[in-house]
Amino acid sequence: MSLLNLDTMAANKGVYIVNDTTEVTKVIKGLFVLEDTVIATLKVGGVDALSSYVSTPATAIKAGAFITPLDGANFSGVTLTSGSLALIIG
């Protein structure tokens, strides 16, 4: 595992808990799902990319899932329908 991945897993720059339906915009290295959660939008570069990460967006992602961006990108925003996430700050 690379040092960058270890930094992400250790959340060296901190976490931000999302537990409502207001959009959060931050530099996000990863998402840790704290409870069964439905994500409304997941942005990369300000554009919704949820379908690249979740096959059925209306179905809850199970607690314990860890989602990281593809190709070394960062997530730029997230909006929930329900549930809660710990955002790994980048």
C-alpha atoms as a PDB file:
ATOM      1  CA  MET A   1       0.000   0.000   0.000  1.00  0.00           C
ATOM      2  CA  SER A   2       1.381   3.420  -0.900  1.00  0.00           C
ATOM      3  CA  LEU A   3       1.982   6.157   1.652  1.00  0.00           C
ATOM      4  CA  LEU A   4      -0.776   8.259   0.049  1.00  0.00           C
ATOM      5  CA  ASN A   5      -3.258   5.454   0.693  1.00  0.00           C
ATOM      6  CA  LEU A   6      -2.071   5.132   4.292  1.00  0.00           C
ATOM      7  CA  ASP A   7      -2.528   8.897   4.766  1.00  0.00           C
ATOM      8  CA  THR A   8      -6.093   8.578   3.491  1.00  0.00           C
ATOM      9  CA  MET A   9      -6.909   5.588   5.690  1.00  0.00           C
ATOM     10  CA  ALA A  10      -5.418   7.359   8.728  1.00  0.00           C
ATOM     11  CA  ALA A  11      -7.324  10.574   7.875  1.00  0.00           C
ATOM     12  CA  ASN A  12      -4.174  12.632   8.480  1.00  0.00           C
ATOM     13  CA  LYS A  13      -5.960  15.863   7.509  1.00  0.00           C
ATOM     14  CA  GLY A  14      -9.069  15.080   9.539  1.00  0.00           C
ATOM     15  CA  VAL A  15     -12.658  14.064   8.969  1.00  0.00           C
ATOM     16  CA  TYR A  16     -15.955  15.878   8.607  1.00  0.00           C
ATOM     17  CA  ILE A  17     -19.206  14.146   9.564  1.00  0.00           C
ATOM     18  CA  VAL A  18     -22.175  14.606   7.232  1.00  0.00           C
ATOM     19  CA  ASN A  19     -25.554  13.680   8.721  1.00  0.00           C
ATOM     20  CA  ASP A  20     -28.058  15.900   6.916  1.00  0.00           C
ATOM     21  CA  THR A  21     -29.223  16.665   3.374  1.00  0.00           C
ATOM     22  CA  THR A  22     -27.249  19.893   2.865  1.00  0.00           C
ATOM     23  CA  GLU A  23     -24.523  19.742   0.181  1.00  0.00           C
ATOM     24  CA  VAL A  24     -20.993  19.729   1.579  1.00  0.00           C
ATOM     25  CA  THR A  25     -18.197  21.040  -0.657  1.00  0.00           C
ATOM     26  CA  LYS A  26     -14.650  20.187   0.403  1.00  0.00           C
ATOM     27  CA  VAL A  27     -11.568  18.443  -0.961  1.00  0.00           C
ATOM     28  CA  ILE A  28     -12.483  14.845  -0.082  1.00  0.00           C
ATOM     29  CA  LYS A  29     -10.062  11.896  -0.327  1.00  0.00           C
ATOM     30  CA  GLY A  30     -12.607   9.271   0.662  1.00  0.00           C
ATOM     31  CA  LEU A  31     -15.980   8.501   2.195  1.00  0.00           C
ATOM     32  CA  PHE A  32     -16.568   6.132   5.095  1.00  0.00           C
ATOM     33  CA  VAL A  33     -20.209   5.081   5.392  1.00  0.00           C
ATOM     34  CA  LEU A  34     -21.256   5.214   9.063  1.00  0.00           C
ATOM     35  CA  GLU A  35     -24.749   3.733   8.659  1.00  0.00           C
ATOM     36  CA  ASP A  36     -26.844   2.544   5.724  1.00  0.00           C
ATOM     37  CA  THR A  37     -26.783   5.686   3.541  1.00  0.00           C
ATOM     38  CA  VAL A  38     -28.359   6.930   0.314  1.00  0.00           C
ATOM     39  CA  ILE A  39     -26.190   9.457  -1.540  1.00  0.00           C
ATOM     40  CA  ALA A  40     -28.023  11.989  -3.727  1.00  0.00           C
ATOM     41  CA  THR A  41     -24.931  13.487  -5.417  1.00  0.00           C
ATOM     42  CA  LEU A  42     -21.226  12.724  -5.350  1.00  0.00           C
ATOM     43  CA  LYS A  43     -19.189  15.307  -7.222  1.00  0.00           C
ATOM     44  CA  VAL A  44     -15.757  15.188  -8.843  1.00  0.00           C
ATOM     45  CA  GLY A  45     -14.561  18.533 -10.191  1.00  0.00           C
ATOM     46  CA  GLY A  46     -17.988  19.998  -9.428  1.00  0.00           C
ATOM     47  CA  VAL A  47     -19.793  17.465 -11.664  1.00  0.00           C
ATOM     48  CA  ASP A  48     -22.029  14.702 -10.297  1.00  0.00           C
ATOM     49  CA  ALA A  49     -20.227  11.375 -10.763  1.00  0.00           C
ATOM     50  CA  LEU A  50     -22.371   9.186  -8.504  1.00  0.00           C
ATOM     51  CA  SER A  51     -23.139   6.663 -11.258  1.00  0.00           C
ATOM     52  CA  SER A  52     -19.392   5.950 -11.562  1.00  0.00           C
ATOM     53  CA  TYR A  53     -19.305   4.778  -7.933  1.00  0.00           C
ATOM     54  CA  VAL A  54     -22.765   3.363  -7.136  1.00  0.00           C
ATOM     55  CA  SER A  55     -24.653   1.035  -9.492  1.00  0.00           C
ATOM     56  CA  THR A  56     -28.104   1.746  -8.022  1.00  0.00           C
ATOM     57  CA  PRO A  57     -28.051   5.228  -6.437  1.00  0.00           C
ATOM     58  CA  ALA A  58     -31.538   4.961  -4.897  1.00  0.00           C
ATOM     59  CA  THR A  59     -30.465   1.916  -2.841  1.00  0.00           C
ATOM     60  CA  ALA A  60     -28.632   2.417   0.442  1.00  0.00           C
ATOM     61  CA  ILE A  61     -24.912   1.788   0.639  1.00  0.00           C
ATOM     62  CA  LYS A  62     -24.262  -0.445   3.622  1.00  0.00           C
ATOM     63  CA  ALA A  63     -22.491   0.762   6.750  1.00  0.00           C
ATOM     64  CA  GLY A  64     -18.747   0.139   6.698  1.00  0.00           C
ATOM     65  CA  ALA A  65     -18.214   0.790   2.992  1.00  0.00           C
ATOM     66  CA  PHE A  66     -15.157   2.907   2.119  1.00  0.00           C
ATOM     67  CA  ILE A  67     -15.314   4.798  -1.192  1.00  0.00           C
ATOM     68  CA  THR A  68     -12.269   6.464  -2.741  1.00  0.00           C
ATOM     69  CA  PRO A  69     -12.066   8.544  -5.933  1.00  0.00           C
ATOM     70  CA  LEU A  70     -10.910   6.982  -9.195  1.00  0.00           C
ATOM     71  CA  ASP A  71      -7.619   7.828 -10.934  1.00  0.00           C
ATOM     72  CA  GLY A  72      -6.113   9.912  -8.132  1.00  0.00           C
ATOM     73  CA  ALA A  73      -8.898  12.520  -8.259  1.00  0.00           C
ATOM     74  CA  ASN A  74     -10.643  14.028  -5.231  1.00  0.00           C
ATOM     75  CA  PHE A  75     -14.336  14.264  -4.536  1.00  0.00           C
ATOM     76  CA  SER A  76     -15.473  17.888  -4.479  1.00  0.00           C
ATOM     77  CA  GLY A  77     -18.911  17.588  -2.903  1.00  0.00           C
ATOM     78  CA  VAL A  78     -21.548  15.255  -1.550  1.00  0.00           C
ATOM     79  CA  THR A  79     -25.270  15.478  -0.768  1.00  0.00           C
ATOM     80  CA  LEU A  80     -27.162  12.802   1.165  1.00  0.00           C
ATOM     81  CA  THR A  81     -30.730  11.633   0.942  1.00  0.00           C
ATOM     82  CA  SER A  82     -30.401   9.717   4.226  1.00  0.00           C
ATOM     83  CA  GLY A  83     -27.779   8.276   6.519  1.00  0.00           C
ATOM     84  CA  SER A  84     -24.357   9.602   7.489  1.00  0.00           C
ATOM     85  CA  LEU A  85     -20.771   9.666   6.226  1.00  0.00           C
ATOM     86  CA  ALA A  86     -17.341  10.487   7.578  1.00  0.00           C
ATOM     87  CA  LEU A  87     -15.576  12.504   4.866  1.00  0.00           C
ATOM     88  CA  ILE A  88     -11.819  11.957   4.763  1.00  0.00           C
ATOM     89  CA  ILE A  89     -10.463  15.466   4.137  1.00  0.00           C
ATOM     90  CA  GLY A  90      -7.795  15.806   1.428  1.00  0.00           C
END
